[in-house]
Amino acid sequence: MADQQLSLAETLVDPRLGTNARLDAIGKVIDWAPLEKLAEQVHAGRLGRKPYRASAMIRALYLQMLYGLSDPGLEEALTDRLSFRRFCGLGLDEATPDETTICRFRLTAARKG
């Protein structure tokens, strides 16, 4: 989200909300670029709704593994936890991937991997 323009809602929110030192450190240590490049191949968005950004989805799957979340649990956490949204680069004004989208992305990524 650092390279995106902030929404009106985000400019009105205290910047300390949703901060998580552990996730900030992880986000800085991992080189996400190669993972994001692979994730972009999972769903090119030729049919159906516009896909979520590959960077958001790959980071969401990382959070799912890190915190042992089910697909519904990850959807709920992404909706509820500002720190998770920020880690994934999802703005306050953006939709949250639902559990089906998360499941399909993970399964398609596993098949292509």
Protein backbone atom coordinates (compact mmCIF):
# COMPACT_ATOMS: atom_id res chain seq x y z
CA MET A 1 0.00 0.00 0.00
CA ALA A 2 3.02 2.26 0.39
CA ASP A 3 3.14 2.83 -3.38
CA GLN A 4 -0.60 3.57 -3.65
CA GLN A 5 -2.42 6.81 -3.03
CA LEU A 6 -4.30 6.82 0.28
CA SER A 7 -8.09 6.90 0.23
CA LEU A 8 -10.00 9.62 2.05
CA ALA A 9 -10.82 7.15 4.83
CA GLU A 10 -7.15 6.28 5.29
CA THR A 11 -6.12 9.92 5.53
CA LEU A 12 -8.62 10.39 8.37
CA VAL A 13 -7.49 7.34 10.36
CA ASP A 14 -4.74 7.61 12.96
CA PRO A 15 -1.65 6.14 11.22
CA ARG A 16 -0.87 4.09 14.33
CA LEU A 17 -4.06 2.06 13.90
CA GLY A 18 -3.38 -1.33 12.45
CA THR A 19 0.34 -1.25 13.05
CA ASN A 20 1.93 -4.58 13.79
CA ALA A 21 5.70 -4.64 14.34
CA ARG A 22 5.92 -8.37 13.59
CA LEU A 23 4.16 -8.04 10.23
CA ASP A 24 6.14 -4.91 9.38
CA ALA A 25 9.39 -6.80 10.00
CA ILE A 26 8.25 -9.80 7.96
CA GLY A 27 7.16 -7.54 5.12
CA LYS A 28 10.63 -5.98 4.98
CA VAL A 29 12.61 -9.23 5.25
CA ILE A 30 10.87 -11.23 2.52
CA ASP A 31 11.61 -10.41 -1.11
CA TRP A 32 8.02 -10.46 -2.37
CA ALA A 33 8.82 -9.64 -6.02
CA PRO A 34 9.54 -13.22 -7.22
CA LEU A 35 6.52 -14.56 -5.34
CA GLU A 36 4.27 -11.86 -6.75
CA LYS A 37 5.51 -12.60 -10.27
CA LEU A 38 4.55 -16.26 -9.84
CA ALA A 39 1.23 -15.31 -8.26
CA GLU A 40 0.35 -13.12 -11.25
CA GLN A 41 0.31 -16.28 -13.38
CA VAL A 42 -2.39 -17.86 -11.22
CA HIS A 43 -5.27 -15.72 -12.42
CA ALA A 44 -4.87 -13.36 -15.32
CA GLY A 45 -8.47 -12.13 -15.11
CA ARG A 46 -9.62 -13.09 -18.59
CA LEU A 47 -13.09 -14.11 -17.43
CA GLY A 48 -15.30 -13.10 -14.54
CA ARG A 49 -14.71 -10.33 -12.05
CA LYS A 50 -11.48 -8.37 -11.96
CA PRO A 51 -9.02 -10.40 -9.88
CA TYR A 52 -7.43 -9.12 -6.69
CA ARG A 53 -3.84 -8.00 -7.02
CA ALA A 54 -1.43 -10.92 -6.93
CA SER A 55 0.60 -9.19 -4.24
CA ALA A 56 -2.44 -8.99 -1.95
CA MET A 57 -3.35 -12.64 -2.51
CA ILE A 58 0.13 -14.06 -1.96
CA ARG A 59 0.51 -12.06 1.24
CA ALA A 60 -2.93 -13.19 2.39
CA LEU A 61 -1.93 -16.83 1.90
CA TYR A 62 1.22 -16.16 3.90
CA LEU A 63 -0.90 -14.76 6.76
CA GLN A 64 -3.18 -17.77 6.52
CA MET A 65 -0.25 -20.14 6.98
CA LEU A 66 1.45 -18.00 9.64
CA TYR A 67 -1.64 -17.76 11.83
CA GLY A 68 -3.18 -21.18 11.00
CA LEU A 69 -6.39 -19.70 9.59
CA SER A 70 -9.07 -21.48 7.60
CA ASP A 71 -10.37 -19.81 4.45
CA PRO A 72 -13.39 -18.35 6.32
CA GLY A 73 -11.05 -17.35 9.16
CA LEU A 74 -8.73 -15.52 6.76
CA GLU A 75 -11.66 -13.70 5.16
CA GLU A 76 -12.86 -12.63 8.61
CA ALA A 77 -9.37 -11.56 9.68
CA LEU A 78 -8.87 -9.51 6.51
CA THR A 79 -12.20 -7.81 7.14
CA ASP A 80 -11.58 -7.27 10.86
CA ARG A 81 -7.85 -6.66 11.31
CA LEU A 82 -6.44 -3.46 9.92
CA SER A 83 -2.90 -4.78 10.34
CA PHE A 84 -3.71 -7.72 8.04
CA ARG A 85 -5.22 -5.39 5.42
CA ARG A 86 -2.15 -3.17 5.54
CA PHE A 87 0.21 -6.16 5.29
CA CYS A 88 -1.66 -7.31 2.17
CA GLY A 89 -1.82 -3.81 0.71
CA LEU A 90 -5.62 -3.67 0.83
CA GLY A 91 -6.94 -0.17 1.33
CA LEU A 92 -9.90 0.60 3.55
CA ASP A 93 -11.92 1.38 0.44
CA GLU A 94 -11.12 -1.93 -1.27
CA ALA A 95 -13.16 -5.12 -1.22
CA THR A 96 -11.94 -8.08 0.81
CA PRO A 97 -11.33 -11.42 -0.92
CA ASP A 98 -13.99 -13.88 0.17
CA GLU A 99 -13.28 -17.41 1.33
CA THR A 100 -14.09 -18.90 -2.08
CA THR A 101 -11.69 -16.55 -3.84
CA ILE A 102 -8.98 -17.40 -1.32
CA CYS A 103 -9.57 -21.14 -1.72
CA ARG A 104 -9.59 -21.00 -5.52
CA PHE A 105 -6.43 -18.90 -5.63
CA ARG A 106 -4.59 -21.28 -3.29
CA LEU A 107 -5.71 -24.40 -5.20
CA THR A 108 -4.86 -22.91 -8.59
CA ALA A 109 -1.46 -21.79 -7.30
CA ALA A 110 -0.78 -25.30 -5.98
CA ARG A 111 -1.68 -26.85 -9.34
CA LYS A 112 0.56 -24.45 -11.24
CA GLY A 113 3.43 -24.84 -8.75
